[in-house]
Structures are given as C-alpha cells and as structure tokens.
PDB file of all heavy atoms in Angstrom:
ATOM      1  N   TYR A   1     -38.458  68.797 -35.450  1.00  0.00           N
ATOM      2  CA  TYR A   1     -37.518  69.357 -34.485  1.00  0.00           C
ATOM      3  C   TYR A   1     -37.887  70.808 -34.179  1.00  0.00           C
ATOM      4  O   TYR A   1     -38.511  71.495 -34.997  1.00  0.00           O
ATOM      5  CB  TYR A   1     -36.083  69.290 -35.016  1.00  0.00           C
ATOM      6  CG  TYR A   1     -35.559  67.886 -35.123  1.00  0.00           C
ATOM      7  CD1 TYR A   1     -35.797  67.126 -36.271  1.00  0.00           C
ATOM      8  CD2 TYR A   1     -34.842  67.304 -34.082  1.00  0.00           C
ATOM      9  CE1 TYR A   1     -35.324  65.827 -36.368  1.00  0.00           C
ATOM     10  CE2 TYR A   1     -34.352  66.005 -34.184  1.00  0.00           C
ATOM     11  CZ  TYR A   1     -34.605  65.271 -35.321  1.00  0.00           C
ATOM     12  OH  TYR A   1     -34.140  63.986 -35.431  1.00  0.00           O
ATOM     13  N   ASP A   2     -37.469  71.268 -33.002  1.00  0.00           N
ATOM     14  CA  ASP A   2     -37.786  72.634 -32.576  1.00  0.00           C
ATOM     15  C   ASP A   2     -36.556  73.533 -32.665  1.00  0.00           C
ATOM     16  O   ASP A   2     -35.433  73.118 -32.347  1.00  0.00           O
ATOM     17  CB  ASP A   2     -38.300  72.631 -31.128  1.00  0.00           C
ATOM     18  CG  ASP A   2     -39.645  71.936 -30.996  1.00  0.00           C
ATOM     19  OD1 ASP A   2     -40.536  72.238 -31.820  1.00  0.00           O
ATOM     20  OD2 ASP A   2     -39.802  71.097 -30.092  1.00  0.00           O
ATOM     21  N   TYR A   3     -36.804  74.766 -33.080  1.00  0.00           N
ATOM     22  CA  TYR A   3     -35.767  75.783 -33.176  1.00  0.00           C
ATOM     23  C   TYR A   3     -36.270  77.017 -32.425  1.00  0.00           C
ATOM     24  O   TYR A   3     -37.409  77.442 -32.619  1.00  0.00           O
ATOM     25  CB  TYR A   3     -35.481  76.135 -34.642  1.00  0.00           C
ATOM     26  CG  TYR A   3     -34.994  74.956 -35.453  1.00  0.00           C
ATOM     27  CD1 TYR A   3     -35.890  74.000 -35.930  1.00  0.00           C
ATOM     28  CD2 TYR A   3     -33.639  74.777 -35.711  1.00  0.00           C
ATOM     29  CE1 TYR A   3     -35.446  72.897 -36.651  1.00  0.00           C
ATOM     30  CE2 TYR A   3     -33.190  73.679 -36.436  1.00  0.00           C
ATOM     31  CZ  TYR A   3     -34.099  72.745 -36.897  1.00  0.00           C
ATOM     32  OH  TYR A   3     -33.663  71.651 -37.598  1.00  0.00           O
ATOM     33  N   LYS A   4     -35.436  77.566 -31.583  1.00  0.00           N
ATOM     34  CA  LYS A   4     -35.874  78.697 -30.772  1.00  0.00           C
ATOM     35  C   LYS A   4     -34.792  79.775 -30.728  1.00  0.00           C
ATOM     36  O   LYS A   4     -33.668  79.581 -31.210  1.00  0.00           O
ATOM     37  CB  LYS A   4     -36.185  78.228 -29.350  1.00  0.00           C
ATOM     38  CG  LYS A   4     -34.989  77.616 -28.628  1.00  0.00           C
ATOM     39  CD  LYS A   4     -35.377  77.077 -27.259  1.00  0.00           C
ATOM     40  CE  LYS A   4     -34.165  76.471 -26.542  1.00  0.00           C
ATOM     41  NZ  LYS A   4     -34.521  75.933 -25.210  1.00  0.00           N
ATOM     42  N   GLY A   5     -35.171  80.906 -30.145  1.00  0.00           N
ATOM     43  CA  GLY A   5     -34.195  81.982 -29.975  1.00  0.00           C
ATOM     44  C   GLY A   5     -33.691  82.575 -31.263  1.00  0.00           C
ATOM     45  O   GLY A   5     -32.548  83.057 -31.327  1.00  0.00           O
ATOM     46  N   VAL A   6     -34.528  82.580 -32.303  1.00  0.00           N
ATOM     47  CA  VAL A   6     -34.114  83.207 -33.569  1.00  0.00           C
ATOM     48  C   VAL A   6     -33.913  84.705 -33.315  1.00  0.00           C
ATOM     49  O   VAL A   6     -34.801  85.388 -32.814  1.00  0.00           O
ATOM     50  CB  VAL A   6     -35.175  83.003 -34.667  1.00  0.00           C
ATOM     51  CG1 VAL A   6     -34.728  83.694 -35.953  1.00  0.00           C
ATOM     52  CG2 VAL A   6     -35.409  81.519 -34.902  1.00  0.00           C
ATOM     53  N   LYS A   7     -32.754  85.187 -33.645  1.00  0.00           N
ATOM     54  CA  LYS A   7     -32.419  86.586 -33.349  1.00  0.00           C
ATOM     55  C   LYS A   7     -31.590  87.192 -34.476  1.00  0.00           C
ATOM     56  O   LYS A   7     -30.565  86.629 -34.877  1.00  0.00           O
ATOM     57  CB  LYS A   7     -31.635  86.657 -32.043  1.00  0.00           C
ATOM     58  CG  LYS A   7     -31.217  88.070 -31.647  1.00  0.00           C
ATOM     59  CD  LYS A   7     -30.391  88.057 -30.369  1.00  0.00           C
ATOM     60  CE  LYS A   7     -29.935  89.463 -29.988  1.00  0.00           C
ATOM     61  NZ  LYS A   7     -29.104  89.443 -28.756  1.00  0.00           N
ATOM     62  N   ALA A   8     -32.044  88.331 -34.982  1.00  0.00           N
ATOM     63  CA  ALA A   8     -31.281  89.041 -35.995  1.00  0.00           C
ATOM     64  C   ALA A   8     -30.045  89.663 -35.354  1.00  0.00           C
ATOM     65  O   ALA A   8     -30.108  90.223 -34.259  1.00  0.00           O
ATOM     66  CB  ALA A   8     -32.142  90.131 -36.632  1.00  0.00           C
ATOM     67  N   LEU A   9     -28.912  89.539 -36.038  1.00  0.00           N
ATOM     68  CA  LEU A   9     -27.664  90.131 -35.566  1.00  0.00           C
ATOM     69  C   LEU A   9     -27.357  91.387 -36.376  1.00  0.00           C
ATOM     70  O   LEU A   9     -28.035  91.695 -37.358  1.00  0.00           O
ATOM     71  CB  LEU A   9     -26.526  89.116 -35.710  1.00  0.00           C
ATOM     72  CG  LEU A   9     -26.714  87.793 -34.966  1.00  0.00           C
ATOM     73  CD1 LEU A   9     -25.533  86.861 -35.256  1.00  0.00           C
ATOM     74  CD2 LEU A   9     -26.856  88.020 -33.471  1.00  0.00           C
ATOM     75  N   ALA A  10     -26.342  92.104 -35.965  1.00  0.00           N
ATOM     76  CA  ALA A  10     -25.955  93.323 -36.681  1.00  0.00           C
ATOM     77  C   ALA A  10     -25.589  92.993 -38.125  1.00  0.00           C
ATOM     78  O   ALA A  10     -24.974  91.949 -38.394  1.00  0.00           O
ATOM     79  CB  ALA A  10     -24.774  93.985 -35.979  1.00  0.00           C
ATOM     80  N   ASP A  11     -25.970  93.861 -39.040  1.00  0.00           N
ATOM     81  CA  ASP A  11     -25.657  93.674 -40.456  1.00  0.00           C
ATOM     82  C   ASP A  11     -24.140  93.622 -40.634  1.00  0.00           C
ATOM     83  O   ASP A  11     -23.431  94.562 -40.247  1.00  0.00           O
ATOM     84  CB  ASP A  11     -26.248  94.851 -41.252  1.00  0.00           C
ATOM     85  CG  ASP A  11     -26.093  94.677 -42.755  1.00  0.00           C
ATOM     86  OD1 ASP A  11     -25.272  93.839 -43.188  1.00  0.00           O
ATOM     87  OD2 ASP A  11     -26.790  95.392 -43.496  1.00  0.00           O
ATOM     88  N   PRO A  12     -23.611  92.552 -41.231  1.00  0.00           N
ATOM     89  CA  PRO A  12     -22.161  92.456 -41.449  1.00  0.00           C
ATOM     90  C   PRO A  12     -21.639  93.498 -42.443  1.00  0.00           C
ATOM     91  O   PRO A  12     -20.427  93.708 -42.540  1.00  0.00           O
ATOM     92  CB  PRO A  12     -21.982  91.039 -42.013  1.00  0.00           C
ATOM     93  CG  PRO A  12     -23.226  90.311 -41.655  1.00  0.00           C
ATOM     94  CD  PRO A  12     -24.317  91.330 -41.649  1.00  0.00           C
ATOM     95  N   ASP A  13     -22.554  94.105 -43.183  1.00  0.00           N
ATOM     96  CA  ASP A  13     -22.197  95.129 -44.173  1.00  0.00           C
ATOM     97  C   ASP A  13     -21.178  94.587 -45.177  1.00  0.00           C
ATOM     98  O   ASP A  13     -20.118  95.164 -45.395  1.00  0.00           O
ATOM     99  CB  ASP A  13     -21.656  96.381 -43.470  1.00  0.00           C
ATOM    100  CG  ASP A  13     -21.591  97.582 -44.407  1.00  0.00           C
ATOM    101  OD1 ASP A  13     -22.343  97.603 -45.402  1.00  0.00           O
ATOM    102  OD2 ASP A  13     -20.787  98.505 -44.147  1.00  0.00           O
ATOM    103  N   LEU A  14     -21.545  93.478 -45.807  1.00  0.00           N
ATOM    104  CA  LEU A  14     -20.684  92.841 -46.796  1.00  0.00           C
ATOM    105  C   LEU A  14     -21.397  92.755 -48.137  1.00  0.00           C
ATOM    106  O   LEU A  14     -22.629  92.729 -48.193  1.00  0.00           O
ATOM    107  CB  LEU A  14     -20.298  91.434 -46.336  1.00  0.00           C
ATOM    108  CG  LEU A  14     -19.466  91.328 -45.060  1.00  0.00           C
ATOM    109  CD1 LEU A  14     -19.401  89.879 -44.592  1.00  0.00           C
ATOM    110  CD2 LEU A  14     -18.058  91.877 -45.286  1.00  0.00           C
ATOM    111  N   GLY A  15     -20.615  92.681 -49.226  1.00  0.00           N
ATOM    112  CA  GLY A  15     -21.197  92.545 -50.557  1.00  0.00           C
ATOM    113  C   GLY A  15     -22.129  93.693 -50.888  1.00  0.00           C
ATOM    114  O   GLY A  15     -21.962  94.827 -50.420  1.00  0.00           O
ATOM    115  N   ASN A  16     -23.147  93.401 -51.713  1.00  0.00           N
ATOM    116  CA  ASN A  16     -24.155  94.402 -52.039  1.00  0.00           C
ATOM    117  C   ASN A  16     -25.124  94.613 -50.881  1.00  0.00           C
ATOM    118  O   ASN A  16     -25.610  95.710 -50.643  1.00  0.00           O
ATOM    119  CB  ASN A  16     -24.938  93.989 -53.288  1.00  0.00           C
ATOM    120  CG  ASN A  16     -24.062  93.938 -54.517  1.00  0.00           C
ATOM    121  OD1 ASN A  16     -23.871  92.879 -55.114  1.00  0.00           O
ATOM    122  ND2 ASN A  16     -23.486  95.065 -54.910  1.00  0.00           N
ATOM    123  N   GLU A  17     -25.408  93.538 -50.152  1.00  0.00           N
ATOM    124  CA  GLU A  17     -26.240  93.594 -48.948  1.00  0.00           C
ATOM    125  C   GLU A  17     -26.069  92.274 -48.207  1.00  0.00           C
ATOM    126  O   GLU A  17     -25.664  91.264 -48.790  1.00  0.00           O
ATOM    127  CB  GLU A  17     -27.710  93.841 -49.284  1.00  0.00           C
ATOM    128  CG  GLU A  17     -28.330  92.851 -50.242  1.00  0.00           C
ATOM    129  CD  GLU A  17     -29.789  93.178 -50.540  1.00  0.00           C
ATOM    130  OE1 GLU A  17     -30.456  93.799 -49.688  1.00  0.00           O
ATOM    131  OE2 GLU A  17     -30.257  92.806 -51.631  1.00  0.00           O
ATOM    132  N   SER A  18     -26.373  92.273 -46.916  1.00  0.00           N
ATOM    133  CA  SER A  18     -26.140  91.066 -46.125  1.00  0.00           C
ATOM    134  C   SER A  18     -27.048  91.031 -44.904  1.00  0.00           C
ATOM    135  O   SER A  18     -27.569  92.062 -44.465  1.00  0.00           O
ATOM    136  CB  SER A  18     -24.673  91.000 -45.683  1.00  0.00           C
ATOM    137  OG  SER A  18     -24.288  92.202 -45.025  1.00  0.00           O
ATOM    138  N   VAL A  19     -27.240  89.843 -44.365  1.00  0.00           N
ATOM    139  CA  VAL A  19     -27.991  89.646 -43.126  1.00  0.00           C
ATOM    140  C   VAL A  19     -27.255  88.610 -42.286  1.00  0.00           C
ATOM    141  O   VAL A  19     -26.525  87.760 -42.815  1.00  0.00           O
ATOM    142  CB  VAL A  19     -29.440  89.162 -43.372  1.00  0.00           C
ATOM    143  CG1 VAL A  19     -30.257  90.221 -44.089  1.00  0.00           C
ATOM    144  CG2 VAL A  19     -29.455  87.855 -44.147  1.00  0.00           C
ATOM    145  N   ALA A  20     -27.445  88.693 -40.969  1.00  0.00           N
ATOM    146  CA  ALA A  20     -26.851  87.722 -40.053  1.00  0.00           C
ATOM    147  C   ALA A  20     -27.851  87.446 -38.938  1.00  0.00           C
ATOM    148  O   ALA A  20     -28.584  88.345 -38.520  1.00  0.00           O
ATOM    149  CB  ALA A  20     -25.537  88.244 -39.485  1.00  0.00           C
ATOM    150  N   TYR A  21     -27.886  86.210 -38.475  1.00  0.00           N
ATOM    151  CA  TYR A  21     -28.795  85.854 -37.401  1.00  0.00           C
ATOM    152  C   TYR A  21     -28.313  84.583 -36.729  1.00  0.00           C
ATOM    153  O   TYR A  21     -27.400  83.906 -37.215  1.00  0.00           O
ATOM    154  CB  TYR A  21     -30.226  85.669 -37.922  1.00  0.00           C
ATOM    155  CG  TYR A  21     -30.392  84.630 -39.000  1.00  0.00           C
ATOM    156  CD1 TYR A  21     -30.785  83.326 -38.699  1.00  0.00           C
ATOM    157  CD2 TYR A  21     -30.164  84.949 -40.340  1.00  0.00           C
ATOM    158  CE1 TYR A  21     -30.942  82.378 -39.706  1.00  0.00           C
ATOM    159  CE2 TYR A  21     -30.313  84.004 -41.349  1.00  0.00           C
ATOM    160  CZ  TYR A  21     -30.706  82.724 -41.017  1.00  0.00           C
ATOM    161  OH  TYR A  21     -30.856  81.779 -42.002  1.00  0.00           O
ATOM    162  N   ARG A  22     -28.920  84.249 -35.595  1.00  0.00           N
ATOM    163  CA  ARG A  22     -28.578  83.027 -34.881  1.00  0.00           C
ATOM    164  C   ARG A  22     -29.833  82.412 -34.287  1.00  0.00           C
ATOM    165  O   ARG A  22     -30.891  83.043 -34.229  1.00  0.00           O
ATOM    166  CB  ARG A  22     -27.541  83.278 -33.789  1.00  0.00           C
ATOM    167  CG  ARG A  22     -27.988  84.204 -32.684  1.00  0.00           C
ATOM    168  CD  ARG A  22     -26.981  84.222 -31.551  1.00  0.00           C
ATOM    169  NE  ARG A  22     -26.911  82.933 -30.894  1.00  0.00           N
ATOM    170  CZ  ARG A  22     -25.944  82.569 -30.044  1.00  0.00           C
ATOM    171  NH1 ARG A  22     -24.966  83.403 -29.780  1.00  0.00           N
ATOM    172  NH2 ARG A  22     -25.961  81.385 -29.465  1.00  0.00           N
ATOM    173  N   MET A  23     -29.722  81.170 -33.832  1.00  0.00           N
ATOM    174  CA  MET A  23     -30.831  80.453 -33.215  1.00  0.00           C
ATOM    175  C   MET A  23     -30.263  79.284 -32.421  1.00  0.00           C
ATOM    176  O   MET A  23     -29.045  79.049 -32.416  1.00  0.00           O
ATOM    177  CB  MET A  23     -31.791  79.930 -34.285  1.00  0.00           C
ATOM    178  CG  MET A  23     -31.210  78.795 -35.111  1.00  0.00           C
ATOM    179  SD  MET A  23     -32.285  78.234 -36.434  1.00  0.00           S
ATOM    180  CE  MET A  23     -32.026  79.541 -37.618  1.00  0.00           C
ATOM    181  N   VAL A  24     -31.146  78.536 -31.759  1.00  0.00           N
ATOM    182  CA  VAL A  24     -30.738  77.327 -31.047  1.00  0.00           C
ATOM    183  C   VAL A  24     -31.599  76.175 -31.553  1.00  0.00           C
ATOM    184  O   VAL A  24     -32.833  76.242 -31.514  1.00  0.00           O
ATOM    185  CB  VAL A  24     -30.907  77.478 -29.523  1.00  0.00           C
ATOM    186  CG1 VAL A  24     -30.536  76.165 -28.827  1.00  0.00           C
ATOM    187  CG2 VAL A  24     -30.045  78.614 -28.995  1.00  0.00           C
ATOM    188  N   ALA A  25     -30.948  75.125 -32.031  1.00  0.00           N
ATOM    189  CA  ALA A  25     -31.652  73.952 -32.544  1.00  0.00           C
ATOM    190  C   ALA A  25     -31.675  72.856 -31.485  1.00  0.00           C
ATOM    191  O   ALA A  25     -30.660  72.590 -30.840  1.00  0.00           O
ATOM    192  CB  ALA A  25     -30.959  73.437 -33.801  1.00  0.00           C
ATOM    193  N   SER A  26     -32.833  72.249 -31.290  1.00  0.00           N
ATOM    194  CA  SER A  26     -32.961  71.114 -30.372  1.00  0.00           C
ATOM    195  C   SER A  26     -32.816  69.830 -31.188  1.00  0.00           C
ATOM    196  O   SER A  26     -33.730  69.448 -31.919  1.00  0.00           O
ATOM    197  CB  SER A  26     -34.321  71.142 -29.671  1.00  0.00           C
ATOM    198  OG  SER A  26     -34.444  72.311 -28.881  1.00  0.00           O
ATOM    199  N   ILE A  27     -31.661  69.177 -31.075  1.00  0.00           N
ATOM    200  CA  ILE A  27     -31.357  68.012 -31.899  1.00  0.00           C
ATOM    201  C   ILE A  27     -31.059  66.813 -31.007  1.00  0.00           C
ATOM    202  O   ILE A  27     -30.057  66.797 -30.289  1.00  0.00           O
ATOM    203  CB  ILE A  27     -30.160  68.295 -32.829  1.00  0.00           C
ATOM    204  CG1 ILE A  27     -30.462  69.500 -33.717  1.00  0.00           C
ATOM    205  CG2 ILE A  27     -29.832  67.080 -33.666  1.00  0.00           C
ATOM    206  CD1 ILE A  27     -29.314  69.935 -34.588  1.00  0.00           C
ATOM    207  N   GLU A  28     -31.941  65.834 -31.040  1.00  0.00           N
ATOM    208  CA  GLU A  28     -31.762  64.618 -30.262  1.00  0.00           C
ATOM    209  C   GLU A  28     -31.433  64.922 -28.801  1.00  0.00           C
ATOM    210  O   GLU A  28     -30.536  64.317 -28.203  1.00  0.00           O
ATOM    211  CB  GLU A  28     -30.661  63.751 -30.883  1.00  0.00           C
ATOM    212  CG  GLU A  28     -30.904  63.355 -32.333  1.00  0.00           C
ATOM    213  CD  GLU A  28     -32.172  62.526 -32.515  1.00  0.00           C
ATOM    214  OE1 GLU A  28     -32.629  61.896 -31.541  1.00  0.00           O
ATOM    215  OE2 GLU A  28     -32.718  62.513 -33.630  1.00  0.00           O
ATOM    216  N   GLY A  29     -32.133  65.895 -28.230  1.00  0.00           N
ATOM    217  CA  GLY A  29     -31.941  66.241 -26.829  1.00  0.00           C
ATOM    218  C   GLY A  29     -30.840  67.242 -26.571  1.00  0.00           C
ATOM    219  O   GLY A  29     -30.710  67.765 -25.462  1.00  0.00           O
ATOM    220  N   ALA A  30     -30.023  67.540 -27.586  1.00  0.00           N
ATOM    221  CA  ALA A  30     -28.932  68.512 -27.432  1.00  0.00           C
ATOM    222  C   ALA A  30     -29.379  69.882 -27.917  1.00  0.00           C
ATOM    223  O   ALA A  30     -30.107  69.996 -28.901  1.00  0.00           O
ATOM    224  CB  ALA A  30     -27.716  68.047 -28.218  1.00  0.00           C
ATOM    225  N   GLN A  31     -28.949  70.922 -27.205  1.00  0.00           N
ATOM    226  CA  GLN A  31     -29.233  72.296 -27.613  1.00  0.00           C
ATOM    227  C   GLN A  31     -28.036  72.815 -28.396  1.00  0.00           C
ATOM    228  O   GLN A  31     -26.958  73.030 -27.827  1.00  0.00           O
ATOM    229  CB  GLN A  31     -29.503  73.169 -26.384  1.00  0.00           C
ATOM    230  CG  GLN A  31     -30.645  72.662 -25.504  1.00  0.00           C
ATOM    231  CD  GLN A  31     -31.964  72.585 -26.260  1.00  0.00           C
ATOM    232  OE1 GLN A  31     -32.442  73.577 -26.801  1.00  0.00           O
ATOM    233  NE2 GLN A  31     -32.554  71.397 -26.301  1.00  0.00           N
ATOM    234  N   VAL A  32     -28.201  72.982 -29.684  1.00  0.00           N
ATOM    235  CA  VAL A  32     -27.082  73.349 -30.567  1.00  0.00           C
ATOM    236  C   VAL A  32     -27.282  74.751 -31.128  1.00  0.00           C
ATOM    237  O   VAL A  32     -28.168  74.980 -31.957  1.00  0.00           O
ATOM    238  CB  VAL A  32     -26.956  72.344 -31.732  1.00  0.00           C
ATOM    239  CG1 VAL A  32     -25.750  72.680 -32.592  1.00  0.00           C
ATOM    240  CG2 VAL A  32     -26.856  70.919 -31.207  1.00  0.00           C
ATOM    241  N   PRO A  33     -26.492  75.730 -30.687  1.00  0.00           N
ATOM    242  CA  PRO A  33     -26.590  77.079 -31.239  1.00  0.00           C
ATOM    243  C   PRO A  33     -26.013  77.126 -32.655  1.00  0.00           C
ATOM    244  O   PRO A  33     -24.981  76.505 -32.937  1.00  0.00           O
ATOM    245  CB  PRO A  33     -25.771  77.937 -30.277  1.00  0.00           C
ATOM    246  CG  PRO A  33     -24.912  76.997 -29.519  1.00  0.00           C
ATOM    247  CD  PRO A  33     -25.496  75.636 -29.614  1.00  0.00           C
TER     248      PRO A  33
END
C-alpha cells in the first residue's frame, strides 16, 4: 500500500518529549488521512 503526504506537525509539548505528524493512506482505493 502507498502512504503519502507525511508531514510533521507542531510539537504537542507533552510528557518528557513528544512528536506529532499526519499522512494519507491509500487503502483499497480510498484516501484515508
């Protein structure tokens, strides 16, 4: 399967350290963010 549009988001600034990001998954013809 293909995944596109991987993008780092603003640090949520939680816990000791954190990361956030998003992408779009191509699943059985559907584009699922």
